[in-house]
Amino acid sequence: MKYKMFFTTMTVLFFSVSALATPFTSPKKPSAKLVMNKPQVTKQLFTMSLTQVDGNNVQNRGGVVWLKPGQYDLSFNAMVNQNFTKGQLSRAETRSKDFNNDMNITLEAGKTYYLAFDAKDSDADNWKPVVYKTE
């Protein structure tokens, strides 16, 4: 019985601390809004999904997330439609290519950051996530 209570207490404590350590927050609290689902294909800016925050994997939260103000290392998965890019890659190149999917960003409370994967360059090595608009 003692061990069961100890295990339960430690489990609750672990999940409580984990929940406090998360960078995600509510729009009602001081936060920065990241919008990643507004592609501008004609400008060769493509949709992305957030995959990691500070090296920790995250669940898919759709195209909009709210993070606490601060500095972050973010990783993304880009959805590039090569019919609209200058640089054309074969399927094999696309699968084997190590794209630059990382971004270091400092976020301020009350701001909205519009992010996209910039594939304007004819050299795919220069494709990367960018902030194309801030409000």
C-alpha atoms as a PDB file:
ATOM      1  CA  MET A   1       0.000   0.000   0.000  1.00  0.00           C
ATOM      2  CA  LYS A   2       2.848   2.401   0.857  1.00  0.00           C
ATOM      3  CA  TYR A   3       4.519   1.781  -2.478  1.00  0.00           C
ATOM      4  CA  LYS A   4       1.296   2.303  -4.401  1.00  0.00           C
ATOM      5  CA  MET A   5       0.703   5.654  -2.694  1.00  0.00           C
ATOM      6  CA  PHE A   6       4.340   6.676  -3.226  1.00  0.00           C
ATOM      7  CA  PHE A   7       4.174   5.715  -6.908  1.00  0.00           C
ATOM      8  CA  THR A   8       0.902   7.628  -7.373  1.00  0.00           C
ATOM      9  CA  THR A   9       2.306  10.718  -5.646  1.00  0.00           C
ATOM     10  CA  MET A  10       5.484  10.654  -7.741  1.00  0.00           C
ATOM     11  CA  THR A  11       3.511  10.198 -10.959  1.00  0.00           C
ATOM     12  CA  VAL A  12       1.253  13.169 -10.174  1.00  0.00           C
ATOM     13  CA  LEU A  13       4.282  15.272  -9.220  1.00  0.00           C
ATOM     14  CA  PHE A  14       6.115  14.335 -12.430  1.00  0.00           C
ATOM     15  CA  PHE A  15       3.190  15.268 -14.658  1.00  0.00           C
ATOM     16  CA  SER A  16       2.588  18.498 -12.718  1.00  0.00           C
ATOM     17  CA  VAL A  17       6.205  19.598 -13.207  1.00  0.00           C
ATOM     18  CA  SER A  18       6.106  18.549 -16.871  1.00  0.00           C
ATOM     19  CA  ALA A  19       2.978  20.608 -17.447  1.00  0.00           C
ATOM     20  CA  LEU A  20       4.583  23.674 -15.882  1.00  0.00           C
ATOM     21  CA  ALA A  21       7.684  23.304 -18.058  1.00  0.00           C
ATOM     22  CA  THR A  22       5.830  23.348 -21.367  1.00  0.00           C
ATOM     23  CA  PRO A  23       6.448  26.340 -23.642  1.00  0.00           C
ATOM     24  CA  PHE A  24       2.847  26.232 -24.892  1.00  0.00           C
ATOM     25  CA  THR A  25       0.229  28.449 -23.328  1.00  0.00           C
ATOM     26  CA  SER A  26      -3.282  29.756 -23.769  1.00  0.00           C
ATOM     27  CA  PRO A  27      -4.207  32.783 -25.912  1.00  0.00           C
ATOM     28  CA  LYS A  28      -5.716  34.284 -22.748  1.00  0.00           C
ATOM     29  CA  LYS A  29      -2.311  34.422 -21.038  1.00  0.00           C
ATOM     30  CA  PRO A  30       0.724  36.497 -22.116  1.00  0.00           C
ATOM     31  CA  SER A  31       1.716  34.729 -25.313  1.00  0.00           C
ATOM     32  CA  ALA A  32       2.984  34.991 -28.853  1.00  0.00           C
ATOM     33  CA  LYS A  33       0.864  33.516 -31.629  1.00  0.00           C
ATOM     34  CA  LEU A  34       2.593  31.539 -34.409  1.00  0.00           C
ATOM     35  CA  VAL A  35       0.599  31.057 -37.622  1.00  0.00           C
ATOM     36  CA  MET A  36       1.998  28.444 -40.026  1.00  0.00           C
ATOM     37  CA  ASN A  37      -1.046  27.610 -42.154  1.00  0.00           C
ATOM     38  CA  LYS A  38      -1.296  30.703 -44.396  1.00  0.00           C
ATOM     39  CA  PRO A  39       0.780  29.716 -47.424  1.00  0.00           C
ATOM     40  CA  GLN A  40       1.507  32.179 -50.172  1.00  0.00           C
ATOM     41  CA  VAL A  41       2.297  29.818 -53.004  1.00  0.00           C
ATOM     42  CA  THR A  42       2.683  32.608 -55.554  1.00  0.00           C
ATOM     43  CA  LYS A  43       5.470  34.030 -53.372  1.00  0.00           C
ATOM     44  CA  GLN A  44       6.886  30.511 -52.923  1.00  0.00           C
ATOM     45  CA  LEU A  45       6.115  30.516 -49.178  1.00  0.00           C
ATOM     46  CA  PHE A  46       4.747  27.139 -48.086  1.00  0.00           C
ATOM     47  CA  THR A  47       2.903  25.706 -45.100  1.00  0.00           C
ATOM     48  CA  MET A  48       4.873  24.148 -42.241  1.00  0.00           C
ATOM     49  CA  SER A  49       4.041  22.158 -39.140  1.00  0.00           C
ATOM     50  CA  LEU A  50       5.886  22.476 -35.853  1.00  0.00           C
ATOM     51  CA  THR A  51       7.724  19.275 -34.899  1.00  0.00           C
ATOM     52  CA  GLN A  52      10.116  20.333 -32.107  1.00  0.00           C
ATOM     53  CA  VAL A  53      10.548  23.094 -29.547  1.00  0.00           C
ATOM     54  CA  ASP A  54      14.032  23.354 -28.018  1.00  0.00           C
ATOM     55  CA  GLY A  55      14.859  19.830 -29.187  1.00  0.00           C
ATOM     56  CA  ASN A  56      11.733  18.246 -27.690  1.00  0.00           C
ATOM     57  CA  ASN A  57       9.216  16.581 -30.000  1.00  0.00           C
ATOM     58  CA  VAL A  58       5.730  18.072 -29.910  1.00  0.00           C
ATOM     59  CA  GLN A  59       2.333  16.782 -30.925  1.00  0.00           C
ATOM     60  CA  ASN A  60       0.799  18.194 -34.058  1.00  0.00           C
ATOM     61  CA  ARG A  61      -1.156  21.231 -32.895  1.00  0.00           C
ATOM     62  CA  GLY A  62      -2.377  22.345 -36.301  1.00  0.00           C
ATOM     63  CA  GLY A  63      -1.262  25.496 -38.052  1.00  0.00           C
ATOM     64  CA  VAL A  64      -1.556  27.886 -35.087  1.00  0.00           C
ATOM     65  CA  VAL A  65       0.173  27.690 -31.686  1.00  0.00           C
ATOM     66  CA  TRP A  66       0.636  30.012 -28.727  1.00  0.00           C
ATOM     67  CA  LEU A  67       4.010  30.039 -26.983  1.00  0.00           C
ATOM     68  CA  LYS A  68       5.169  31.816 -23.874  1.00  0.00           C
ATOM     69  CA  PRO A  69       7.362  34.859 -24.608  1.00  0.00           C
ATOM     70  CA  GLY A  70      11.053  33.978 -24.879  1.00  0.00           C
ATOM     71  CA  GLN A  71      13.715  32.546 -27.141  1.00  0.00           C
ATOM     72  CA  TYR A  72      13.208  29.181 -28.827  1.00  0.00           C
ATOM     73  CA  ASP A  73      14.851  26.763 -31.222  1.00  0.00           C
ATOM     74  CA  LEU A  74      12.037  25.499 -33.435  1.00  0.00           C
ATOM     75  CA  SER A  75      12.018  22.668 -35.981  1.00  0.00           C
ATOM     76  CA  PHE A  76       9.449  22.250 -38.712  1.00  0.00           C
ATOM     77  CA  ASN A  77       8.229  19.890 -41.377  1.00  0.00           C
ATOM     78  CA  ALA A  78       7.635  21.773 -44.632  1.00  0.00           C
ATOM     79  CA  MET A  79       5.046  20.980 -47.292  1.00  0.00           C
ATOM     80  CA  VAL A  80       6.658  22.335 -50.450  1.00  0.00           C
ATOM     81  CA  ASN A  81       4.773  22.038 -53.729  1.00  0.00           C
ATOM     82  CA  GLN A  82       7.581  21.933 -56.302  1.00  0.00           C
ATOM     83  CA  ASN A  83       5.201  22.898 -59.084  1.00  0.00           C
ATOM     84  CA  PHE A  84       5.610  26.449 -57.761  1.00  0.00           C
ATOM     85  CA  THR A  85       9.371  26.534 -57.055  1.00  0.00           C
ATOM     86  CA  LYS A  86      12.299  27.625 -59.198  1.00  0.00           C
ATOM     87  CA  GLY A  87      14.473  24.750 -58.005  1.00  0.00           C
ATOM     88  CA  GLN A  88      13.274  21.331 -59.080  1.00  0.00           C
ATOM     89  CA  LEU A  89      14.331  18.195 -57.220  1.00  0.00           C
ATOM     90  CA  SER A  90      13.702  14.593 -58.150  1.00  0.00           C
ATOM     91  CA  ARG A  91      11.733  12.423 -55.728  1.00  0.00           C
ATOM     92  CA  ALA A  92      14.943  10.690 -54.658  1.00  0.00           C
ATOM     93  CA  GLU A  93      16.620  14.050 -53.998  1.00  0.00           C
ATOM     94  CA  THR A  94      13.623  15.262 -52.016  1.00  0.00           C
ATOM     95  CA  ARG A  95      13.674  12.136 -49.825  1.00  0.00           C
ATOM     96  CA  SER A  96      17.430  12.227 -49.223  1.00  0.00           C
ATOM     97  CA  LYS A  97      17.889  16.004 -48.946  1.00  0.00           C
ATOM     98  CA  ASP A  98      18.601  17.398 -45.506  1.00  0.00           C
ATOM     99  CA  PHE A  99      16.640  20.662 -45.657  1.00  0.00           C
ATOM    100  CA  ASN A 100      17.226  23.480 -43.195  1.00  0.00           C
ATOM    101  CA  ASN A 101      14.064  23.060 -41.111  1.00  0.00           C
ATOM    102  CA  ASP A 102      15.295  24.851 -37.985  1.00  0.00           C
ATOM    103  CA  MET A 103      14.779  28.404 -36.761  1.00  0.00           C
ATOM    104  CA  ASN A 104      15.948  30.332 -33.715  1.00  0.00           C
ATOM    105  CA  ILE A 105      13.392  32.976 -32.733  1.00  0.00           C
ATOM    106  CA  THR A 106      12.689  35.408 -29.913  1.00  0.00           C
ATOM    107  CA  LEU A 107       8.972  35.853 -29.288  1.00  0.00           C
ATOM    108  CA  GLU A 108       7.259  38.827 -27.658  1.00  0.00           C
ATOM    109  CA  ALA A 109       3.919  38.691 -25.855  1.00  0.00           C
ATOM    110  CA  GLY A 110       0.964  40.101 -27.775  1.00  0.00           C
ATOM    111  CA  LYS A 111       2.518  39.641 -31.224  1.00  0.00           C
ATOM    112  CA  THR A 112       1.456  37.367 -34.059  1.00  0.00           C
ATOM    113  CA  TYR A 113       4.210  35.822 -36.163  1.00  0.00           C
ATOM    114  CA  TYR A 114       3.403  34.463 -39.629  1.00  0.00           C
ATOM    115  CA  LEU A 115       5.826  31.684 -40.528  1.00  0.00           C
ATOM    116  CA  ALA A 116       6.347  29.830 -43.772  1.00  0.00           C
ATOM    117  CA  PHE A 117       8.913  27.729 -45.570  1.00  0.00           C
ATOM    118  CA  ASP A 118      10.687  29.976 -48.077  1.00  0.00           C
ATOM    119  CA  ALA A 119      11.481  28.074 -51.291  1.00  0.00           C
ATOM    120  CA  LYS A 120      12.116  31.099 -53.560  1.00  0.00           C
ATOM    121  CA  ASP A 121      15.746  30.350 -54.317  1.00  0.00           C
ATOM    122  CA  SER A 122      16.592  28.172 -57.304  1.00  0.00           C
ATOM    123  CA  ASP A 123      19.152  26.416 -55.048  1.00  0.00           C
ATOM    124  CA  ALA A 124      17.211  24.159 -52.642  1.00  0.00           C
ATOM    125  CA  ASP A 125      20.104  24.398 -50.148  1.00  0.00           C
ATOM    126  CA  ASN A 126      18.900  27.948 -49.404  1.00  0.00           C
ATOM    127  CA  TRP A 127      15.298  26.972 -48.632  1.00  0.00           C
ATOM    128  CA  LYS A 128      14.414  27.642 -44.972  1.00  0.00           C
ATOM    129  CA  PRO A 129      11.706  28.634 -42.478  1.00  0.00           C
ATOM    130  CA  VAL A 130      11.132  32.404 -42.232  1.00  0.00           C
ATOM    131  CA  VAL A 131       8.966  34.956 -40.457  1.00  0.00           C
ATOM    132  CA  TYR A 132       7.367  36.802 -43.367  1.00  0.00           C
ATOM    133  CA  LYS A 133       5.049  39.044 -41.365  1.00  0.00           C
ATOM    134  CA  THR A 134       4.630  40.241 -37.766  1.00  0.00           C
ATOM    135  CA  GLU A 135       1.604  41.999 -36.304  1.00  0.00           C
END
